Amino acid sequence: MLLDRGTRPRLRAKTPLKAMLLGGEPLDGPRHLWWNFVSSSKERLEQAKQDWQEGRFGQVPGETEFIPLPQR
């Protein structure tokens, strides 16, 4: 979501939540998104898919579950 400059938006929730507001200058070009991967290069995105399948990503301490890539 893009907020208008100078406004004071208000976030309301009916249940407890955690939210993050992130801002900054626009990125230097388009990004490609697939599942949990984001890259400025489609080729790098394909490499990330292969790396995930072959277990080349680091492990989260204490986590043992492997989540397979979604079906394309």
PDB file of N, CA and C in Angstrom:
ATOM      1  N   MET A   1       0.844  -1.155   0.000  1.00  0.00           N
ATOM      2  CA  MET A   1       0.000   0.000   0.000  1.00  0.00           C
ATOM      3  C   MET A   1       0.897   1.228   0.000  1.00  0.00           C
ATOM      4  N   LEU A   2       0.513   2.224  -0.722  1.00  0.00           N
ATOM      5  CA  LEU A   2       1.266   3.469  -0.788  1.00  0.00           C
ATOM      6  C   LEU A   2       0.463   4.537  -0.067  1.00  0.00           C
ATOM      7  N   LEU A   3       1.079   5.180   0.928  1.00  0.00           N
ATOM      8  CA  LEU A   3       0.398   6.205   1.708  1.00  0.00           C
ATOM      9  C   LEU A   3       0.682   7.580   1.121  1.00  0.00           C
ATOM     10  N   ASP A   4      -0.297   8.448   1.203  1.00  0.00           N
ATOM     11  CA  ASP A   4      -0.121   9.812   0.710  1.00  0.00           C
ATOM     12  C   ASP A   4       0.775  10.603   1.654  1.00  0.00           C
ATOM     13  N   ARG A   5       1.679  11.377   1.096  1.00  0.00           N
ATOM     14  CA  ARG A   5       2.596  12.205   1.880  1.00  0.00           C
ATOM     15  C   ARG A   5       1.790  13.199   2.729  1.00  0.00           C
ATOM     16  N   GLY A   6       2.194  13.338   3.985  1.00  0.00           N
ATOM     17  CA  GLY A   6       1.577  14.314   4.872  1.00  0.00           C
ATOM     18  C   GLY A   6       0.310  13.853   5.563  1.00  0.00           C
ATOM     19  N   THR A   7      -0.163  12.650   5.280  1.00  0.00           N
ATOM     20  CA  THR A   7      -1.363  12.148   5.946  1.00  0.00           C
ATOM     21  C   THR A   7      -0.975  11.428   7.233  1.00  0.00           C
ATOM     22  N   ARG A   8      -1.945  11.189   8.074  1.00  0.00           N
ATOM     23  CA  ARG A   8      -1.725  10.467   9.333  1.00  0.00           C
ATOM     24  C   ARG A   8      -2.663   9.260   9.358  1.00  0.00           C
ATOM     25  N   PRO A   9      -2.312   8.206   8.648  1.00  0.00           N
ATOM     26  CA  PRO A   9      -3.190   7.029   8.592  1.00  0.00           C
ATOM     27  C   PRO A   9      -3.314   6.372   9.961  1.00  0.00           C
ATOM     28  N   ARG A  10      -4.416   5.676  10.179  1.00  0.00           N
ATOM     29  CA  ARG A  10      -4.668   4.971  11.427  1.00  0.00           C
ATOM     30  C   ARG A  10      -4.960   3.511  11.105  1.00  0.00           C
ATOM     31  N   LEU A  11      -4.314   2.632  11.816  1.00  0.00           N
ATOM     32  CA  LEU A  11      -4.515   1.202  11.658  1.00  0.00           C
ATOM     33  C   LEU A  11      -5.366   0.714  12.824  1.00  0.00           C
ATOM     34  N   ARG A  12      -6.451   0.029  12.521  1.00  0.00           N
ATOM     35  CA  ARG A  12      -7.339  -0.501  13.557  1.00  0.00           C
ATOM     36  C   ARG A  12      -7.508  -1.997  13.342  1.00  0.00           C
ATOM     37  N   ALA A  13      -7.613  -2.721  14.449  1.00  0.00           N
ATOM     38  CA  ALA A  13      -7.795  -4.170  14.370  1.00  0.00           C
ATOM     39  C   ALA A  13      -8.799  -4.606  15.412  1.00  0.00           C
ATOM     40  N   LYS A  14      -9.546  -5.650  15.099  1.00  0.00           N
ATOM     41  CA  LYS A  14     -10.524  -6.187  16.039  1.00  0.00           C
ATOM     42  C   LYS A  14      -9.902  -7.191  16.990  1.00  0.00           C
ATOM     43  N   THR A  15      -8.723  -7.682  16.643  1.00  0.00           N
ATOM     44  CA  THR A  15      -8.009  -8.642  17.488  1.00  0.00           C
ATOM     45  C   THR A  15      -6.569  -8.172  17.626  1.00  0.00           C
ATOM     46  N   PRO A  16      -5.826  -8.679  18.625  1.00  0.00           N
ATOM     47  CA  PRO A  16      -4.418  -8.286  18.759  1.00  0.00           C
ATOM     48  C   PRO A  16      -3.634  -8.646  17.485  1.00  0.00           C
ATOM     49  N   LEU A  17      -2.689  -7.803  17.149  1.00  0.00           N
ATOM     50  CA  LEU A  17      -1.882  -8.070  15.956  1.00  0.00           C
ATOM     51  C   LEU A  17      -0.516  -7.440  16.103  1.00  0.00           C
ATOM     52  N   LYS A  18       0.375  -7.863  15.240  1.00  0.00           N
ATOM     53  CA  LYS A  18       1.682  -7.235  15.091  1.00  0.00           C
ATOM     54  C   LYS A  18       1.721  -6.703  13.671  1.00  0.00           C
ATOM     55  N   ALA A  19       2.152  -5.470  13.522  1.00  0.00           N
ATOM     56  CA  ALA A  19       2.196  -4.849  12.201  1.00  0.00           C
ATOM     57  C   ALA A  19       3.544  -4.167  12.019  1.00  0.00           C
ATOM     58  N   MET A  20       3.937  -4.014  10.761  1.00  0.00           N
ATOM     59  CA  MET A  20       5.190  -3.344  10.453  1.00  0.00           C
ATOM     60  C   MET A  20       4.926  -2.325   9.359  1.00  0.00           C
ATOM     61  N   LEU A  21       5.413  -1.132   9.566  1.00  0.00           N
ATOM     62  CA  LEU A  21       5.330  -0.083   8.563  1.00  0.00           C
ATOM     63  C   LEU A  21       6.737   0.118   8.023  1.00  0.00           C
ATOM     64  N   LEU A  22       6.873   0.019   6.719  1.00  0.00           N
ATOM     65  CA  LEU A  22       8.181   0.094   6.089  1.00  0.00           C
ATOM     66  C   LEU A  22       8.147   1.204   5.047  1.00  0.00           C
ATOM     67  N   GLY A  23       9.182   2.005   5.019  1.00  0.00           N
ATOM     68  CA  GLY A  23       9.212   3.085   4.042  1.00  0.00           C
ATOM     69  C   GLY A  23      10.606   3.293   3.496  1.00  0.00           C
ATOM     70  N   GLY A  24      10.691   4.091   2.475  1.00  0.00           N
ATOM     71  CA  GLY A  24      11.984   4.407   1.895  1.00  0.00           C
ATOM     72  C   GLY A  24      11.841   4.829   0.450  1.00  0.00           C
ATOM     73  N   GLU A  25      12.960   5.020  -0.178  1.00  0.00           N
ATOM     74  CA  GLU A  25      12.987   5.421  -1.584  1.00  0.00           C
ATOM     75  C   GLU A  25      12.530   4.252  -2.463  1.00  0.00           C
ATOM     76  N   PRO A  26      11.976   4.551  -3.638  1.00  0.00           N
ATOM     77  CA  PRO A  26      11.587   3.472  -4.556  1.00  0.00           C
ATOM     78  C   PRO A  26      12.796   2.612  -4.927  1.00  0.00           C
ATOM     79  N   LEU A  27      12.542   1.349  -5.214  1.00  0.00           N
ATOM     80  CA  LEU A  27      13.607   0.446  -5.656  1.00  0.00           C
ATOM     81  C   LEU A  27      14.114   0.887  -7.025  1.00  0.00           C
ATOM     82  N   ASP A  28      15.296   0.414  -7.388  1.00  0.00           N
ATOM     83  CA  ASP A  28      15.932   0.850  -8.632  1.00  0.00           C
ATOM     84  C   ASP A  28      15.420   0.136  -9.875  1.00  0.00           C
ATOM     85  N   GLY A  29      14.438  -0.711  -9.733  1.00  0.00           N
ATOM     86  CA  GLY A  29      13.884  -1.417 -10.886  1.00  0.00           C
ATOM     87  C   GLY A  29      12.848  -2.423 -10.437  1.00  0.00           C
ATOM     88  N   PRO A  30      12.258  -3.142 -11.383  1.00  0.00           N
ATOM     89  CA  PRO A  30      11.219  -4.113 -11.033  1.00  0.00           C
ATOM     90  C   PRO A  30      11.784  -5.297 -10.256  1.00  0.00           C
ATOM     91  N   ARG A  31      10.936  -5.924  -9.490  1.00  0.00           N
ATOM     92  CA  ARG A  31      11.288  -7.132  -8.744  1.00  0.00           C
ATOM     93  C   ARG A  31      10.340  -8.248  -9.167  1.00  0.00           C
ATOM     94  N   HIS A  32      10.838  -9.460  -9.117  1.00  0.00           N
ATOM     95  CA  HIS A  32      10.058 -10.643  -9.453  1.00  0.00           C
ATOM     96  C   HIS A  32       9.797 -11.392  -8.159  1.00  0.00           C
ATOM     97  N   LEU A  33       8.574 -11.847  -7.984  1.00  0.00           N
ATOM     98  CA  LEU A  33       8.157 -12.533  -6.766  1.00  0.00           C
ATOM     99  C   LEU A  33       7.587 -13.892  -7.116  1.00  0.00           C
ATOM    100  N   TRP A  34       8.070 -14.921  -6.423  1.00  0.00           N
ATOM    101  CA  TRP A  34       7.500 -16.254  -6.551  1.00  0.00           C
ATOM    102  C   TRP A  34       7.609 -16.919  -5.190  1.00  0.00           C
ATOM    103  N   TRP A  35       6.484 -17.312  -4.622  1.00  0.00           N
ATOM    104  CA  TRP A  35       6.395 -17.941  -3.311  1.00  0.00           C
ATOM    105  C   TRP A  35       7.084 -17.051  -2.290  1.00  0.00           C
ATOM    106  N   ASN A  36       8.161 -17.507  -1.638  1.00  0.00           N
ATOM    107  CA  ASN A  36       8.871 -16.707  -0.641  1.00  0.00           C
ATOM    108  C   ASN A  36      10.127 -16.045  -1.208  1.00  0.00           C
ATOM    109  N   PHE A  37      10.289 -16.067  -2.504  1.00  0.00           N
ATOM    110  CA  PHE A  37      11.496 -15.544  -3.126  1.00  0.00           C
ATOM    111  C   PHE A  37      11.210 -14.245  -3.874  1.00  0.00           C
ATOM    112  N   VAL A  38      12.115 -13.285  -3.736  1.00  0.00           N
ATOM    113  CA  VAL A  38      12.028 -12.012  -4.452  1.00  0.00           C
ATOM    114  C   VAL A  38      13.405 -11.726  -5.038  1.00  0.00           C
ATOM    115  N   SER A  39      13.449 -11.315  -6.292  1.00  0.00           N
ATOM    116  CA  SER A  39      14.725 -11.016  -6.925  1.00  0.00           C
ATOM    117  C   SER A  39      14.528  -9.987  -8.028  1.00  0.00           C
ATOM    118  N   SER A  40      15.580  -9.280  -8.349  1.00  0.00           N
ATOM    119  CA  SER A  40      15.541  -8.383  -9.502  1.00  0.00           C
ATOM    120  C   SER A  40      15.843  -9.147 -10.787  1.00  0.00           C
ATOM    121  N   SER A  41      16.194 -10.415 -10.660  1.00  0.00           N
ATOM    122  CA  SER A  41      16.550 -11.248 -11.805  1.00  0.00           C
ATOM    123  C   SER A  41      15.696 -12.517 -11.834  1.00  0.00           C
ATOM    124  N   LYS A  42      15.047 -12.775 -12.961  1.00  0.00           N
ATOM    125  CA  LYS A  42      14.263 -14.017 -13.090  1.00  0.00           C
ATOM    126  C   LYS A  42      15.178 -15.238 -13.014  1.00  0.00           C
ATOM    127  N   GLU A  43      16.396 -15.094 -13.546  1.00  0.00           N
ATOM    128  CA  GLU A  43      17.344 -16.209 -13.510  1.00  0.00           C
ATOM    129  C   GLU A  43      17.717 -16.545 -12.070  1.00  0.00           C
ATOM    130  N   ARG A  44      17.938 -15.543 -11.256  1.00  0.00           N
ATOM    131  CA  ARG A  44      18.285 -15.770  -9.842  1.00  0.00           C
ATOM    132  C   ARG A  44      17.119 -16.403  -9.100  1.00  0.00           C
ATOM    133  N   LEU A  45      15.912 -16.042  -9.468  1.00  0.00           N
ATOM    134  CA  LEU A  45      14.720 -16.647  -8.867  1.00  0.00           C
ATOM    135  C   LEU A  45      14.683 -18.149  -9.172  1.00  0.00           C
ATOM    136  N   GLU A  46      14.987 -18.514 -10.395  1.00  0.00           N
ATOM    137  CA  GLU A  46      15.027 -19.942 -10.764  1.00  0.00           C
ATOM    138  C   GLU A  46      16.125 -20.669  -9.991  1.00  0.00           C
ATOM    139  N   GLN A  47      17.264 -20.008  -9.799  1.00  0.00           N
ATOM    140  CA  GLN A  47      18.355 -20.615  -9.030  1.00  0.00           C
ATOM    141  C   GLN A  47      17.929 -20.813  -7.578  1.00  0.00           C
ATOM    142  N   ALA A  48      17.206 -19.850  -7.014  1.00  0.00           N
ATOM    143  CA  ALA A  48      16.727 -19.974  -5.627  1.00  0.00           C
ATOM    144  C   ALA A  48      15.785 -21.168  -5.483  1.00  0.00           C
ATOM    145  N   LYS A  49      14.929 -21.385  -6.465  1.00  0.00           N
ATOM    146  CA  LYS A  49      14.026 -22.551  -6.426  1.00  0.00           C
ATOM    147  C   LYS A  49      14.838 -23.845  -6.374  1.00  0.00           C
ATOM    148  N   GLN A  50      15.845 -23.940  -7.224  1.00  0.00           N
ATOM    149  CA  GLN A  50      16.686 -25.136  -7.260  1.00  0.00           C
ATOM    150  C   GLN A  50      17.464 -25.291  -5.947  1.00  0.00           C
ATOM    151  N   ASP A  51      18.011 -24.201  -5.454  1.00  0.00           N
ATOM    152  CA  ASP A  51      18.747 -24.246  -4.184  1.00  0.00           C
ATOM    153  C   ASP A  51      17.852 -24.717  -3.040  1.00  0.00           C
ATOM    154  N   TRP A  52      16.609 -24.244  -3.016  1.00  0.00           N
ATOM    155  CA  TRP A  52      15.672 -24.660  -1.963  1.00  0.00           C
ATOM    156  C   TRP A  52      15.402 -26.164  -2.050  1.00  0.00           C
ATOM    157  N   GLN A  53      15.111 -26.626  -3.256  1.00  0.00           N
ATOM    158  CA  GLN A  53      14.821 -28.050  -3.456  1.00  0.00           C
ATOM    159  C   GLN A  53      15.993 -28.931  -3.037  1.00  0.00           C
ATOM    160  N   GLU A  54      17.212 -28.464  -3.261  1.00  0.00           N
ATOM    161  CA  GLU A  54      18.403 -29.260  -2.979  1.00  0.00           C
ATOM    162  C   GLU A  54      19.002 -28.981  -1.603  1.00  0.00           C
ATOM    163  N   GLY A  55      18.274 -28.231  -0.766  1.00  0.00           N
ATOM    164  CA  GLY A  55      18.685 -28.025   0.621  1.00  0.00           C
ATOM    165  C   GLY A  55      19.889 -27.128   0.829  1.00  0.00           C
ATOM    166  N   ARG A  56      20.127 -26.198  -0.077  1.00  0.00           N
ATOM    167  CA  ARG A  56      21.294 -25.320   0.039  1.00  0.00           C
ATOM    168  C   ARG A  56      21.024 -24.023   0.810  1.00  0.00           C
ATOM    169  N   PHE A  57      19.816 -23.885   1.357  1.00  0.00           N
ATOM    170  CA  PHE A  57      19.525 -22.736   2.213  1.00  0.00           C
ATOM    171  C   PHE A  57      19.927 -23.074   3.632  1.00  0.00           C
ATOM    172  N   GLY A  58      20.272 -22.082   4.415  1.00  0.00           N
ATOM    173  CA  GLY A  58      20.635 -22.308   5.812  1.00  0.00           C
ATOM    174  C   GLY A  58      19.445 -22.811   6.627  1.00  0.00           C
ATOM    175  N   GLN A  59      19.738 -23.477   7.715  1.00  0.00           N
ATOM    176  CA  GLN A  59      18.707 -24.003   8.595  1.00  0.00           C
ATOM    177  C   GLN A  59      18.355 -22.989   9.675  1.00  0.00           C
ATOM    178  N   VAL A  60      17.089 -22.947  10.058  1.00  0.00           N
ATOM    179  CA  VAL A  60      16.662 -22.141  11.197  1.00  0.00           C
ATOM    180  C   VAL A  60      16.920 -22.988  12.448  1.00  0.00           C
ATOM    181  N   PRO A  61      17.665 -22.456  13.422  1.00  0.00           N
ATOM    182  CA  PRO A  61      17.964 -23.250  14.631  1.00  0.00           C
ATOM    183  C   PRO A  61      16.696 -23.777  15.284  1.00  0.00           C
ATOM    184  N   GLY A  62      16.702 -25.078  15.565  1.00  0.00           N
ATOM    185  CA  GLY A  62      15.574 -25.726  16.221  1.00  0.00           C
ATOM    186  C   GLY A  62      14.448 -26.142  15.289  1.00  0.00           C
ATOM    187  N   GLU A  63      14.515 -25.785  14.027  1.00  0.00           N
ATOM    188  CA  GLU A  63      13.463 -26.138  13.071  1.00  0.00           C
ATOM    189  C   GLU A  63      13.887 -27.360  12.274  1.00  0.00           C
ATOM    190  N   THR A  64      13.006 -28.349  12.196  1.00  0.00           N
ATOM    191  CA  THR A  64      13.346 -29.583  11.482  1.00  0.00           C
ATOM    192  C   THR A  64      12.426 -29.837  10.277  1.00  0.00           C
ATOM    193  N   GLU A  65      11.322 -29.133  10.203  1.00  0.00           N
ATOM    194  CA  GLU A  65      10.368 -29.374   9.123  1.00  0.00           C
ATOM    195  C   GLU A  65      10.870 -28.783   7.804  1.00  0.00           C
ATOM    196  N   PHE A  66      10.728 -29.534   6.720  1.00  0.00           N
ATOM    197  CA  PHE A  66      11.058 -29.031   5.392  1.00  0.00           C
ATOM    198  C   PHE A  66       9.742 -28.742   4.667  1.00  0.00           C
ATOM    199  N   ILE A  67       9.593 -27.557   4.145  1.00  0.00           N
ATOM    200  CA  ILE A  67       8.396 -27.190   3.394  1.00  0.00           C
ATOM    201  C   ILE A  67       8.752 -27.239   1.920  1.00  0.00           C
ATOM    202  N   PRO A  68       8.130 -28.137   1.162  1.00  0.00           N
ATOM    203  CA  PRO A  68       8.460 -28.243  -0.254  1.00  0.00           C
ATOM    204  C   PRO A  68       7.948 -27.040  -1.033  1.00  0.00           C
ATOM    205  N   LEU A  69       8.559 -26.825  -2.196  1.00  0.00           N
ATOM    206  CA  LEU A  69       8.077 -25.762  -3.079  1.00  0.00           C
ATOM    207  C   LEU A  69       6.642 -26.059  -3.487  1.00  0.00           C
ATOM    208  N   PRO A  70       5.825 -25.027  -3.631  1.00  0.00           N
ATOM    209  CA  PRO A  70       4.466 -25.250  -4.136  1.00  0.00           C
ATOM    210  C   PRO A  70       4.516 -25.744  -5.580  1.00  0.00           C
ATOM    211  N   GLN A  71       3.445 -26.381  -6.004  1.00  0.00           N
ATOM    212  CA  GLN A  71       3.343 -26.803  -7.405  1.00  0.00           C
ATOM    213  C   GLN A  71       3.257 -25.567  -8.274  1.00  0.00           C
ATOM    214  N   ARG A  72       3.941 -25.577  -9.388  1.00  0.00           N
ATOM    215  CA  ARG A  72       3.958 -24.391 -10.274  1.00  0.00           C
ATOM    216  C   ARG A  72       2.642 -24.105 -10.878  1.00  0.00           C
TER     217      ARG A  72
END
